[in-house]
Amino acid sequence: MSKKILITLIVLVAIIGSLVAIKGFQFKAMGDAGADFQLPPEFVTSAPVTESRWVQTLDAIGSLAAVQGVTVTTEAAGKISKLHFESGEVVTQGQLLVELDTTTEEAQLAAAKAEAKLTETNLVRARKLFESRTVPEAELDAANAAQLAANAQVENLQAVIEKKQILAPFDGRLGIRQVDLGQFLNNGNPIVSLQSLDPIFVNFSLPQQSISKVKDGLAVELHVDAYPEEVFAGKLTAVDPSVSAETRTITLQATLENSDEKLLPGMFATVSVVLPDTQLKKVVPATSILYASYGDSVFVINEKEGEMTVDQTFVQVGEARGDFVSIISDIEPGSIIVSTGAFKLRQGAKVALNNELNTDPQLKPDPEDA
């Protein structure tokens, strides 16, 4: 029995040795194949690092305000007898808007005029009698005072009647009428809003650090949500001489032409004050930046002997504008970098270009579905 066991063990050892040898040859073949294997190049798009002069702006959020804007009211109480305007109408300075009932004042004015006529006659008679030494000077003075009082009463009633004719204080466009014919108005009751829309103001604030950069006459560009594709141009016309103690900001005001009345008081607006100086910046498409917690980088493409590889270069990213960002680092203008596909690359990776898939970055993009 021991001889059979020995033979069996020898056979098993031979079989196991054969299997180990076969696997060893297989692993060696796989290792040799892996050593010779090279990853295929990654397809990317490219763009050059360019230099561009960017106009410098100071950006803020502002609110539009009318150059002149009031709510028309009445100084005298009374019932509306006539309305001479429609909501939304354009009016000129001095145009009659509303008439209040003046029948009582007109009757009182007629009586006051009659009284004034009588006092004038009495004054003439008193002068003649005084000249003939028939009446004392005190009677002449009383007649003169009575005549002045009567004339003052006439002027007072005329003023009350004039106040009951409500006129437009300046040229502008009326808002929605807030009164009706026959309605009784008390002093100060609102009648209609009147706004002068051309030109129009925009008021906004900037940090106090901007004081040295702003002055009257600088160009201003304005954007509003109602007309996203339009840029409204104006001029900086006023800088508040004080700084807010609460916010440490300065208030500024720009004036814009508004002949088509697209801009309305109260609108929210984005304001850009255009500074006279420009800055030369190195710019790249925003898609070329690989953002990471350990630092932002771009991949510079190098070509040698017909083969293209990339070097990962860490950069400091500056201002972004449109589809571009500026780079604040020692990267040479004219260098060719990966514009899209950087996320799948590593240092020294081989690349192949397919610029047919390249995007068309714009400094002022205007997407169709914006």
Protein backbone atom coordinates (compact mmCIF):
# COMPACT_ATOMS: atom_id res chain seq x y z
CA MET A 1 0.00 0.00 0.00
CA SER A 2 2.79 2.44 0.76
CA LYS A 3 4.24 1.97 -2.75
CA LYS A 4 0.93 2.89 -4.38
CA ILE A 5 0.60 6.01 -2.20
CA LEU A 6 4.09 7.09 -3.13
CA ILE A 7 3.38 6.71 -6.84
CA THR A 8 0.13 8.70 -6.42
CA LEU A 9 1.94 11.54 -4.68
CA ILE A 10 4.57 11.68 -7.39
CA VAL A 11 1.89 11.92 -10.08
CA LEU A 12 0.05 14.71 -8.17
CA VAL A 13 3.27 16.69 -7.75
CA ALA A 14 3.99 16.36 -11.45
CA ILE A 15 0.51 17.52 -12.39
CA ILE A 16 0.64 20.53 -10.00
CA GLY A 17 4.12 21.43 -11.27
CA SER A 18 2.86 21.35 -14.86
CA LEU A 19 -0.07 23.63 -13.98
CA VAL A 20 2.20 26.09 -12.17
CA ALA A 21 4.56 26.17 -15.12
CA ILE A 22 1.71 26.79 -17.58
CA LYS A 23 0.28 29.62 -15.48
CA GLY A 24 3.74 31.11 -15.08
CA PHE A 25 4.19 31.19 -18.85
CA GLN A 26 0.69 32.74 -19.23
CA PHE A 27 1.36 35.51 -16.67
CA LYS A 28 4.73 36.25 -18.28
CA ALA A 29 3.08 36.55 -21.70
CA MET A 30 0.43 38.88 -20.26
CA GLY A 31 3.12 41.00 -18.58
CA ASP A 32 5.10 41.28 -21.79
CA ALA A 33 1.93 42.29 -23.67
CA GLY A 34 1.05 44.88 -21.00
CA ALA A 35 4.52 46.40 -21.15
CA ASP A 36 4.15 46.89 -24.89
CA PHE A 37 0.52 48.26 -24.62
CA GLN A 38 -0.05 52.00 -25.07
CA LEU A 39 -3.31 53.90 -24.45
CA PRO A 40 -4.82 55.46 -27.59
CA PRO A 41 -4.71 59.28 -27.77
CA GLU A 42 -7.66 61.22 -26.34
CA PHE A 43 -9.58 63.37 -28.80
CA VAL A 44 -9.75 67.01 -27.67
CA THR A 45 -10.23 70.47 -29.15
CA SER A 46 -7.66 73.25 -28.93
CA ALA A 47 -7.48 77.04 -28.68
CA PRO A 48 -4.63 79.54 -28.40
CA VAL A 49 -3.88 81.74 -25.40
CA THR A 50 -4.66 85.22 -26.73
CA GLU A 51 -4.11 88.78 -25.56
CA SER A 52 -7.09 91.11 -25.49
CA ARG A 53 -7.72 94.63 -24.23
CA TRP A 54 -10.71 94.52 -21.93
CA VAL A 55 -12.67 97.63 -21.11
CA GLN A 56 -12.81 98.03 -17.34
CA THR A 57 -16.20 98.58 -15.74
CA LEU A 58 -17.66 99.14 -12.30
CA ASP A 59 -20.85 97.10 -12.04
CA ALA A 60 -23.79 97.74 -9.75
CA ILE A 61 -27.50 97.23 -9.31
CA GLY A 62 -29.66 100.32 -9.79
CA SER A 63 -33.19 101.59 -9.93
CA LEU A 64 -34.70 103.88 -12.56
CA ALA A 65 -36.32 107.14 -11.51
CA ALA A 66 -38.12 109.90 -13.38
CA VAL A 67 -36.33 113.22 -13.82
CA GLN A 68 -39.61 114.74 -12.68
CA GLY A 69 -42.39 112.69 -11.18
CA VAL A 70 -45.34 113.67 -8.99
CA THR A 71 -48.79 112.60 -7.99
CA VAL A 72 -51.09 115.43 -9.02
CA THR A 73 -53.29 116.56 -6.12
CA THR A 74 -55.56 119.48 -5.24
CA GLU A 75 -54.93 122.36 -2.83
CA ALA A 76 -58.61 123.24 -2.53
CA ALA A 77 -61.49 120.94 -1.62
CA GLY A 78 -64.40 120.56 -3.98
CA LYS A 79 -66.50 118.37 -6.25
CA ILE A 80 -65.13 117.42 -9.67
CA SER A 81 -67.23 119.11 -12.35
CA LYS A 82 -65.08 118.34 -15.43
CA LEU A 83 -62.28 115.93 -16.35
CA HIS A 84 -60.01 116.94 -19.22
CA PHE A 85 -57.62 113.97 -19.47
CA GLU A 86 -57.46 110.22 -20.09
CA SER A 87 -55.25 107.64 -18.39
CA GLY A 88 -51.87 107.31 -20.10
CA GLU A 89 -52.18 110.58 -22.01
CA VAL A 90 -49.16 112.74 -22.83
CA VAL A 91 -49.68 116.29 -21.53
CA THR A 92 -47.80 119.58 -21.67
CA GLN A 93 -47.03 122.01 -18.87
CA GLY A 94 -50.05 124.14 -17.97
CA GLN A 95 -52.59 121.84 -19.62
CA LEU A 96 -55.95 121.77 -17.79
CA LEU A 97 -56.58 118.38 -16.19
CA VAL A 98 -59.47 118.78 -13.73
CA GLU A 99 -62.05 121.46 -12.88
CA LEU A 100 -63.70 121.53 -9.48
CA ASP A 101 -67.12 123.08 -8.91
CA THR A 102 -66.76 126.84 -8.35
CA THR A 103 -70.39 128.04 -8.43
CA THR A 104 -70.26 129.20 -4.78
CA GLU A 105 -66.93 131.01 -5.23
CA GLU A 106 -68.12 132.66 -8.47
CA ALA A 107 -71.24 134.00 -6.69
CA GLN A 108 -69.07 135.29 -3.86
CA LEU A 109 -66.72 136.84 -6.41
CA ALA A 110 -69.56 138.72 -8.07
CA ALA A 111 -70.60 140.14 -4.70
CA ALA A 112 -66.98 140.98 -3.86
CA LYS A 113 -66.54 142.82 -7.16
CA ALA A 114 -69.69 144.83 -6.50
CA GLU A 115 -68.41 145.69 -3.04
CA ALA A 116 -65.06 146.70 -4.52
CA LYS A 117 -66.83 148.95 -7.04
CA LEU A 118 -68.79 150.60 -4.24
CA THR A 119 -65.69 151.18 -2.11
CA GLU A 120 -63.90 152.69 -5.11
CA THR A 121 -66.80 155.13 -5.62
CA ASN A 122 -66.80 156.01 -1.91
CA LEU A 123 -63.04 156.59 -2.04
CA VAL A 124 -63.39 159.00 -4.99
CA ARG A 125 -66.14 160.92 -3.15
CA ALA A 126 -64.11 161.04 0.07
CA ARG A 127 -61.13 162.50 -1.77
CA LYS A 128 -63.22 165.29 -3.26
CA LEU A 129 -64.79 166.10 0.10
CA PHE A 130 -61.39 166.06 1.78
CA GLU A 131 -59.99 168.43 -0.83
CA SER A 132 -62.86 170.83 -0.10
CA ARG A 133 -62.22 170.46 3.63
CA THR A 134 -65.70 169.02 4.15
CA VAL A 135 -64.61 165.74 5.82
CA PRO A 136 -61.66 165.00 8.09
CA GLU A 137 -58.62 163.03 6.94
CA ALA A 138 -59.67 160.03 9.09
CA GLU A 139 -62.76 159.53 6.91
CA LEU A 140 -60.57 159.53 3.77
CA ASP A 141 -58.27 156.93 5.37
CA ALA A 142 -61.25 154.72 6.24
CA ALA A 143 -62.54 154.88 2.66
CA ASN A 144 -59.08 154.01 1.33
CA ALA A 145 -58.77 151.02 3.71
CA ALA A 146 -62.25 149.77 2.76
CA GLN A 147 -61.32 149.92 -0.92
CA LEU A 148 -58.06 147.93 -0.32
CA ALA A 149 -59.92 145.28 1.71
CA ALA A 150 -62.57 144.89 -0.99
CA ASN A 151 -59.91 144.43 -3.70
CA ALA A 152 -58.09 141.87 -1.51
CA GLN A 153 -61.31 139.89 -1.14
CA VAL A 154 -61.73 139.85 -4.93
CA GLU A 155 -58.16 138.60 -5.41
CA ASN A 156 -58.64 135.94 -2.72
CA LEU A 157 -61.74 134.53 -4.39
CA GLN A 158 -60.02 134.60 -7.80
CA ALA A 159 -57.12 132.62 -6.32
CA VAL A 160 -59.50 130.02 -4.86
CA ILE A 161 -61.17 129.63 -8.26
CA GLU A 162 -57.78 129.25 -9.96
CA LYS A 163 -56.77 126.54 -7.46
CA LYS A 164 -59.88 124.61 -8.43
CA GLN A 165 -58.54 124.42 -11.99
CA ILE A 166 -55.82 121.75 -11.71
CA LEU A 167 -53.07 122.06 -14.34
CA ALA A 168 -50.16 119.82 -15.37
CA PRO A 169 -47.04 121.15 -13.60
CA PHE A 170 -44.68 119.94 -16.38
CA ASP A 171 -44.57 117.94 -19.62
CA GLY A 172 -44.95 114.19 -19.17
CA ARG A 173 -47.11 111.11 -19.37
CA LEU A 174 -50.08 110.57 -17.07
CA GLY A 175 -50.69 107.35 -15.19
CA ILE A 176 -54.01 105.74 -14.32
CA ARG A 177 -56.79 108.11 -13.28
CA GLN A 178 -57.67 107.78 -9.59
CA VAL A 179 -60.78 109.99 -9.52
CA ASP A 180 -64.21 110.10 -11.19
CA LEU A 181 -66.55 112.81 -12.34
CA GLY A 182 -68.67 114.10 -9.46
CA GLN A 183 -66.27 112.84 -6.79
CA PHE A 184 -65.58 115.16 -3.85
CA LEU A 185 -61.90 115.82 -3.24
CA ASN A 186 -60.27 116.98 -0.04
CA ASN A 187 -56.93 118.77 0.10
CA GLY A 188 -54.12 116.41 -0.96
CA ASN A 189 -56.29 113.66 -2.45
CA PRO A 190 -54.38 111.96 -5.34
CA ILE A 191 -55.75 112.53 -8.82
CA VAL A 192 -53.24 110.98 -11.24
CA SER A 193 -49.51 110.24 -11.48
CA LEU A 194 -47.45 112.40 -13.87
CA GLN A 195 -43.98 111.26 -14.94
CA SER A 196 -41.43 112.92 -17.19
CA LEU A 197 -39.80 109.93 -18.95
CA ASP A 198 -37.30 111.48 -21.37
CA PRO A 199 -34.60 111.70 -20.18
CA ILE A 200 -34.64 109.31 -17.22
CA PHE A 201 -32.37 108.78 -14.20
CA VAL A 202 -30.81 105.59 -12.85
CA ASN A 203 -29.63 105.67 -9.23
CA PHE A 204 -27.09 103.14 -7.94
CA SER A 205 -24.35 102.67 -5.35
CA LEU A 206 -20.68 101.65 -5.47
CA PRO A 207 -18.19 100.79 -2.69
CA GLN A 208 -16.23 103.74 -1.31
CA GLN A 209 -13.05 102.30 -2.92
CA SER A 210 -14.46 103.43 -6.27
CA ILE A 211 -14.51 107.15 -5.39
CA SER A 212 -11.17 107.85 -7.10
CA LYS A 213 -12.33 106.14 -10.32
CA VAL A 214 -15.67 107.85 -10.96
CA LYS A 215 -16.41 111.34 -12.19
CA ASP A 216 -19.15 113.14 -14.09
CA GLY A 217 -19.30 112.41 -17.79
CA LEU A 218 -18.20 108.75 -17.73
CA ALA A 219 -20.15 106.48 -20.07
CA VAL A 220 -22.74 104.20 -18.49
CA GLU A 221 -24.31 101.05 -19.93
CA LEU A 222 -27.60 99.75 -18.58
CA HIS A 223 -29.42 96.42 -18.96
CA VAL A 224 -32.99 95.65 -17.88
CA ASP A 225 -34.77 92.29 -17.79
CA ALA A 226 -37.63 93.62 -19.90
CA TYR A 227 -35.29 94.07 -22.90
CA PRO A 228 -32.49 91.52 -22.38
CA GLU A 229 -30.96 92.04 -25.83
CA GLU A 230 -30.66 95.83 -25.61
CA VAL A 231 -27.95 97.99 -24.10
CA PHE A 232 -29.05 101.47 -23.03
CA ALA A 233 -26.33 104.12 -23.04
CA GLY A 234 -26.07 107.16 -20.80
CA LYS A 235 -23.70 109.42 -18.90
CA LEU A 236 -22.78 109.69 -15.24
CA THR A 237 -24.21 113.04 -14.16
CA ALA A 238 -23.98 113.17 -10.36
CA VAL A 239 -21.89 111.71 -7.56
CA ASP A 240 -23.15 112.15 -4.01
CA PRO A 241 -20.53 114.06 -1.96
CA SER A 242 -21.06 111.87 1.12
CA VAL A 243 -20.41 108.21 1.96
CA SER A 244 -23.10 106.21 3.73
CA ALA A 245 -21.98 105.50 7.30
CA GLU A 246 -24.05 102.28 7.34
CA THR A 247 -22.94 100.67 4.07
CA ARG A 248 -19.71 102.62 3.26
CA THR A 249 -20.98 103.17 -0.28
CA ILE A 250 -21.44 106.23 -2.46
CA THR A 251 -24.61 106.98 -4.39
CA LEU A 252 -24.37 107.91 -8.06
CA GLN A 253 -26.83 109.01 -10.70
CA ALA A 254 -26.69 108.61 -14.47
CA THR A 255 -28.95 110.14 -17.11
CA LEU A 256 -30.18 108.24 -20.17
CA GLU A 257 -32.17 109.24 -23.23
CA ASN A 258 -35.56 107.52 -23.29
CA SER A 259 -37.43 108.89 -26.30
CA ASP A 260 -39.13 105.53 -26.94
CA GLU A 261 -40.13 105.34 -23.25
CA LYS A 262 -38.98 101.74 -22.87
CA LEU A 263 -37.44 102.57 -19.51
CA LEU A 264 -39.92 103.27 -16.73
CA PRO A 265 -39.46 104.64 -13.20
CA GLY A 266 -39.02 101.92 -10.61
CA MET A 267 -37.44 99.39 -12.99
CA PHE A 268 -34.62 97.22 -11.68
CA ALA A 269 -31.44 97.59 -13.78
CA THR A 270 -27.86 96.35 -14.04
CA VAL A 271 -25.52 99.32 -14.40
CA SER A 272 -21.93 99.35 -15.71
CA VAL A 273 -19.77 102.47 -15.42
CA VAL A 274 -17.25 102.30 -18.27
CA LEU A 275 -13.80 103.44 -17.12
CA PRO A 276 -11.54 105.23 -19.63
CA ASP A 277 -8.55 102.90 -19.12
CA THR A 278 -8.30 99.44 -20.71
CA GLN A 279 -6.15 96.50 -19.55
CA LEU A 280 -4.24 93.97 -21.68
CA LYS A 281 -5.17 90.49 -20.46
CA LYS A 282 -4.23 86.93 -21.39
CA VAL A 283 -7.51 85.14 -22.05
CA VAL A 284 -8.59 81.55 -22.71
CA PRO A 285 -11.99 79.90 -23.21
CA ALA A 286 -13.66 79.17 -19.88
CA THR A 287 -14.04 75.51 -20.91
CA SER A 288 -10.25 75.07 -20.96
CA ILE A 289 -9.89 75.53 -17.18
CA LEU A 290 -9.76 72.35 -15.09
CA TYR A 291 -10.98 73.44 -11.66
CA ALA A 292 -9.79 71.47 -8.63
CA SER A 293 -9.45 71.96 -4.89
CA TYR A 294 -5.64 71.75 -5.11
CA GLY A 295 -5.46 74.37 -7.87
CA ASP A 296 -6.80 75.33 -11.29
CA SER A 297 -4.91 74.26 -14.39
CA VAL A 298 -4.83 74.12 -18.18
CA PHE A 299 -3.25 71.52 -20.47
CA VAL A 300 -0.67 72.92 -22.87
CA ILE A 301 -0.30 70.91 -26.08
CA ASN A 302 3.22 70.02 -27.21
CA GLU A 303 3.97 68.43 -30.58
CA LYS A 304 7.17 66.45 -31.18
CA GLU A 305 7.92 64.09 -34.06
CA GLY A 306 4.29 64.10 -35.11
CA GLU A 307 3.07 63.09 -31.66
CA MET A 308 1.07 65.45 -29.41
CA THR A 309 1.20 65.31 -25.65
CA VAL A 310 0.00 67.63 -22.91
CA ASP A 311 1.64 69.33 -19.96
CA GLN A 312 -0.61 70.21 -17.02
CA THR A 313 0.12 73.83 -16.10
CA PHE A 314 -1.33 75.38 -12.94
CA VAL A 315 -2.67 78.90 -13.40
CA GLN A 316 -4.30 81.68 -11.41
CA VAL A 317 -7.70 82.51 -12.86
CA GLY A 318 -8.66 86.19 -13.03
CA GLU A 319 -11.78 88.01 -14.23
CA ALA A 320 -14.40 86.13 -16.24
CA ARG A 321 -16.22 87.82 -19.08
CA GLY A 322 -18.64 86.09 -21.42
CA ASP A 323 -17.22 82.72 -22.51
CA PHE A 324 -13.65 83.73 -21.60
CA VAL A 325 -11.55 83.97 -18.45
CA SER A 326 -8.33 85.85 -17.94
CA ILE A 327 -5.21 84.13 -16.65
CA ILE A 328 -2.81 85.75 -14.18
CA SER A 329 0.27 83.55 -14.55
CA ASP A 330 3.42 83.00 -16.62
CA ILE A 331 1.85 81.31 -19.62
CA GLU A 332 2.95 82.60 -23.00
CA PRO A 333 0.42 84.16 -25.38
CA GLY A 334 0.13 81.99 -28.46
CA SER A 335 0.47 78.73 -26.52
CA ILE A 336 -1.97 76.10 -27.72
CA ILE A 337 -4.10 74.63 -24.95
CA VAL A 338 -6.88 72.06 -24.70
CA SER A 339 -10.17 73.96 -24.94
CA THR A 340 -12.57 71.04 -24.32
CA GLY A 341 -11.94 67.56 -22.96
CA ALA A 342 -9.46 68.55 -20.24
CA PHE A 343 -11.35 66.55 -17.59
CA LYS A 344 -10.20 63.22 -19.13
CA LEU A 345 -6.48 64.07 -19.38
CA ARG A 346 -3.46 63.55 -17.16
CA GLN A 347 0.11 64.80 -17.23
CA GLY A 348 1.91 63.62 -20.38
CA ALA A 349 -1.19 62.10 -21.96
CA LYS A 350 -1.28 61.73 -25.74
CA VAL A 351 -3.96 63.68 -27.54
CA ALA A 352 -5.42 64.00 -31.01
CA LEU A 353 -7.21 67.14 -32.22
CA ASN A 354 -10.73 67.26 -33.58
CA ASN A 355 -11.48 70.97 -33.82
CA GLU A 356 -14.62 70.33 -35.85
CA LEU A 357 -16.26 69.86 -32.44
CA ASN A 358 -14.84 73.13 -31.11
CA THR A 359 -17.18 75.69 -29.59
CA ASP A 360 -17.27 79.33 -30.65
CA PRO A 361 -16.67 81.31 -27.44
CA GLN A 362 -17.91 84.89 -27.46
CA LEU A 363 -17.03 87.86 -25.27
CA LYS A 364 -20.71 88.86 -25.28
CA PRO A 365 -22.60 85.61 -25.84
CA ASP A 366 -26.24 85.74 -26.91
CA PRO A 367 -27.67 82.20 -26.71
CA GLU A 368 -30.84 81.57 -28.67
CA ASP A 369 -32.54 80.00 -25.65
CA ALA A 370 -31.38 82.65 -23.16
